[in-house]
Amino acid sequence: MIQSWKQLSSKTVHENPWWKYQLDEFELPNGAKGEYHYMKTRGSVAIIAIDAGGKILLHRQYRYIFDRESLECPAGGIKPDQTPREAATAELAEEIGVRAKILEEVGSFAVGTGLLDDVVKVFIAKDLSFMTSEKDETEEFEHMRLSPEEIDTAIFRGEMWDGVSISAWAIAKLFFKK
């Protein structure tokens, strides 16, 4: 059995609206002590939105850290006053301009288990209606509709390289076939 580490202290080093930078001091089972630096979040959502024709609504956006465009599903952090379902509804409206009559949570995954505590809840959205969206000032989107096969090809070719979108697709794809 793997033994857990003992937390000796925890403090927030920096905080912004999306996450906290935490610094913990810990003790290993053998008595050695150390520091652990990580990001703490309220969790996130990712949505696979399926239109009436069976295509998946995605968007391309610029990602500053990589200085490159990224093909992604709607996704984002859960705000302090939101449930995961409310966050999913908001991200659908903001990023692809749709409202879903059917919004089903189908799974979850951890993004980077050694770097942050973010757990992403995955939703499938169906029975969509289009609306005017109000995006964040740092976001600019090119909307796209891809078939499941085209998404698999985009992943294989490295055109879809965002880990959240790939993981959400891996989970939702199992339900998509039902």
Protein backbone atom coordinates (compact mmCIF):
# COMPACT_ATOMS: atom_id res chain seq x y z
CA MET A 1 0.00 0.00 0.00
CA ILE A 2 1.32 3.42 -0.94
CA GLN A 3 1.53 5.77 2.03
CA SER A 4 0.30 9.35 1.82
CA TRP A 5 2.32 12.43 2.62
CA LYS A 6 1.60 14.54 5.70
CA GLN A 7 0.78 18.20 5.07
CA LEU A 8 2.61 20.41 7.56
CA SER A 9 1.43 23.80 6.30
CA SER A 10 -0.32 25.43 3.37
CA LYS A 11 -0.37 29.05 2.21
CA THR A 12 -1.63 30.98 -0.78
CA VAL A 13 1.29 32.75 -2.47
CA HIS A 14 -0.76 34.48 -5.17
CA GLU A 15 -4.43 34.61 -6.15
CA ASN A 16 -6.33 35.81 -9.22
CA PRO A 17 -9.93 35.32 -10.39
CA TRP A 18 -9.15 31.91 -11.93
CA TRP A 19 -6.74 30.10 -9.58
CA LYS A 20 -4.52 30.27 -6.51
CA TYR A 21 -0.81 29.53 -6.35
CA GLN A 22 -0.35 27.33 -3.28
CA LEU A 23 2.81 26.46 -1.36
CA ASP A 24 2.57 23.48 0.98
CA GLU A 25 5.20 22.04 3.26
CA PHE A 26 4.99 18.26 3.64
CA GLU A 27 6.60 15.29 5.32
CA LEU A 28 7.16 11.98 3.53
CA PRO A 29 6.52 8.64 5.27
CA ASN A 30 10.31 8.28 5.72
CA GLY A 31 10.46 11.61 7.62
CA ALA A 32 12.00 13.71 4.83
CA LYS A 33 10.42 17.15 4.45
CA GLY A 34 9.85 19.28 1.37
CA GLU A 35 7.83 21.93 -0.43
CA TYR A 36 5.07 21.40 -2.99
CA HIS A 37 4.08 24.24 -5.34
CA TYR A 38 0.80 23.92 -7.26
CA MET A 39 -2.28 25.72 -8.59
CA LYS A 40 -5.64 25.37 -6.86
CA THR A 41 -8.88 25.93 -8.80
CA ARG A 42 -12.65 25.70 -8.36
CA GLY A 43 -12.76 23.13 -11.16
CA SER A 44 -13.63 23.43 -14.84
CA VAL A 45 -16.09 22.22 -17.44
CA ALA A 46 -15.73 21.03 -21.04
CA ILE A 47 -18.66 20.56 -23.37
CA ILE A 48 -19.10 18.42 -26.46
CA ALA A 49 -21.96 20.16 -28.29
CA ILE A 50 -23.70 18.07 -30.96
CA ASP A 51 -25.84 19.76 -33.61
CA ALA A 52 -28.95 18.24 -35.24
CA GLY A 53 -26.83 16.82 -38.08
CA GLY A 54 -24.45 15.00 -35.73
CA LYS A 55 -21.56 17.44 -36.10
CA ILE A 56 -19.59 18.67 -33.10
CA LEU A 57 -19.39 22.44 -32.57
CA LEU A 58 -15.83 23.54 -31.87
CA HIS A 59 -13.83 26.72 -32.12
CA ARG A 60 -10.32 27.81 -32.89
CA GLN A 61 -8.69 30.40 -30.66
CA TYR A 62 -5.27 31.89 -29.99
CA ARG A 63 -3.32 30.53 -27.02
CA TYR A 64 -0.80 33.06 -25.72
CA ILE A 65 1.56 30.69 -23.87
CA PHE A 66 2.16 28.65 -27.04
CA ASP A 67 1.77 31.57 -29.50
CA ARG A 68 -0.42 29.37 -31.66
CA GLU A 69 -4.03 28.67 -32.55
CA SER A 70 -5.84 25.82 -30.84
CA LEU A 71 -8.86 23.79 -31.98
CA GLU A 72 -11.01 23.26 -28.88
CA CYS A 73 -14.40 22.38 -27.49
CA PRO A 74 -16.12 25.00 -25.31
CA ALA A 75 -14.51 24.90 -21.86
CA GLY A 76 -13.69 27.09 -18.91
CA GLY A 77 -13.37 27.52 -15.18
CA ILE A 78 -16.23 27.38 -12.70
CA LYS A 79 -16.84 30.79 -11.13
CA PRO A 80 -17.43 31.13 -7.37
CA ASP A 81 -21.20 31.57 -7.77
CA GLN A 82 -21.71 28.79 -10.35
CA THR A 83 -22.53 25.10 -10.32
CA PRO A 84 -20.73 23.01 -12.96
CA ARG A 85 -23.96 22.91 -15.02
CA GLU A 86 -24.29 26.71 -14.87
CA ALA A 87 -20.63 27.06 -15.92
CA ALA A 88 -21.22 24.70 -18.87
CA THR A 89 -24.29 26.71 -19.93
CA ALA A 90 -22.28 29.96 -19.73
CA GLU A 91 -19.33 28.56 -21.71
CA LEU A 92 -21.64 27.28 -24.48
CA ALA A 93 -23.21 30.72 -24.79
CA GLU A 94 -19.93 32.63 -24.59
CA GLU A 95 -17.70 30.49 -26.80
CA ILE A 96 -20.00 29.11 -29.50
CA GLY A 97 -23.22 31.10 -29.10
CA VAL A 98 -25.62 28.26 -28.32
CA ARG A 99 -28.11 27.24 -25.67
CA ALA A 100 -28.75 23.52 -25.05
CA LYS A 101 -32.08 22.00 -24.06
CA ILE A 102 -30.23 18.81 -23.12
CA LEU A 103 -27.04 19.13 -21.06
CA GLU A 104 -25.83 15.84 -19.58
CA GLU A 105 -22.76 15.36 -17.38
CA VAL A 106 -20.97 12.23 -18.61
CA GLY A 107 -17.69 12.12 -16.70
CA SER A 108 -14.70 13.98 -15.31
CA PHE A 109 -10.91 13.95 -15.36
CA ALA A 110 -7.95 15.63 -13.68
CA VAL A 111 -5.94 17.91 -15.95
CA GLY A 112 -2.42 17.85 -14.51
CA THR A 113 -2.19 15.75 -11.37
CA GLY A 114 1.29 16.96 -10.44
CA LEU A 115 0.77 20.65 -11.17
CA LEU A 116 -2.81 21.62 -10.34
CA ASP A 117 -5.90 20.27 -8.61
CA ASP A 118 -8.26 21.09 -11.49
CA VAL A 119 -11.00 18.50 -12.13
CA VAL A 120 -12.87 19.00 -15.40
CA LYS A 121 -16.50 17.90 -15.58
CA VAL A 122 -17.49 16.79 -19.10
CA PHE A 123 -20.94 17.54 -20.53
CA ILE A 124 -22.68 16.56 -23.75
CA ALA A 125 -24.99 19.27 -25.12
CA LYS A 126 -27.83 18.49 -27.55
CA ASP A 127 -30.95 20.12 -28.96
CA LEU A 128 -29.10 23.38 -29.55
CA SER A 129 -30.47 26.82 -30.38
CA PHE A 130 -28.27 29.68 -31.52
CA MET A 131 -28.04 33.01 -29.75
CA THR A 132 -25.89 36.12 -29.69
CA SER A 133 -22.80 35.57 -27.59
CA GLU A 134 -20.82 37.98 -25.44
CA LYS A 135 -17.26 36.73 -25.28
CA ASP A 136 -14.51 37.76 -22.92
CA GLU A 137 -12.34 40.61 -24.29
CA THR A 138 -9.30 38.29 -24.49
CA GLU A 139 -11.15 35.69 -26.59
CA GLU A 140 -11.60 35.60 -30.35
CA PHE A 141 -13.14 32.52 -31.93
CA GLU A 142 -13.43 30.90 -35.35
CA HIS A 143 -16.40 28.50 -35.14
CA MET A 144 -16.23 25.08 -36.75
CA ARG A 145 -18.37 21.95 -37.10
CA LEU A 146 -16.59 18.61 -37.39
CA SER A 147 -17.81 15.03 -37.62
CA PRO A 148 -16.54 12.54 -35.03
CA GLU A 149 -14.19 11.11 -37.67
CA GLU A 150 -12.86 14.58 -38.49
CA ILE A 151 -12.13 15.19 -34.79
CA ASP A 152 -10.20 11.91 -34.57
CA THR A 153 -8.23 12.93 -37.68
CA ALA A 154 -7.55 16.41 -36.25
CA ILE A 155 -6.17 14.81 -33.07
CA PHE A 156 -4.04 12.36 -35.05
CA ARG A 157 -2.61 15.17 -37.21
CA GLY A 158 -1.88 17.40 -34.21
CA GLU A 159 -4.44 20.01 -35.31
CA MET A 160 -6.37 19.45 -32.08
CA TRP A 161 -3.67 19.47 -29.40
CA ASP A 162 -5.50 20.91 -26.37
CA GLY A 163 -5.47 18.29 -23.61
CA VAL A 164 -8.81 19.34 -22.13
CA SER A 165 -10.57 19.01 -25.50
CA ILE A 166 -8.91 15.68 -26.32
CA SER A 167 -9.76 14.25 -22.89
CA ALA A 168 -13.35 15.53 -23.05
CA TRP A 169 -13.74 13.98 -26.52
CA ALA A 170 -12.33 10.64 -25.28
CA ILE A 171 -15.01 10.52 -22.56
CA ALA A 172 -17.93 11.93 -24.58
CA LYS A 173 -17.17 9.76 -27.61
CA LEU A 174 -18.23 6.69 -25.64
CA PHE A 175 -21.69 8.24 -25.10
CA PHE A 176 -21.88 9.74 -28.57
CA LYS A 177 -22.27 6.29 -30.15
CA LYS A 178 -25.27 5.40 -27.95
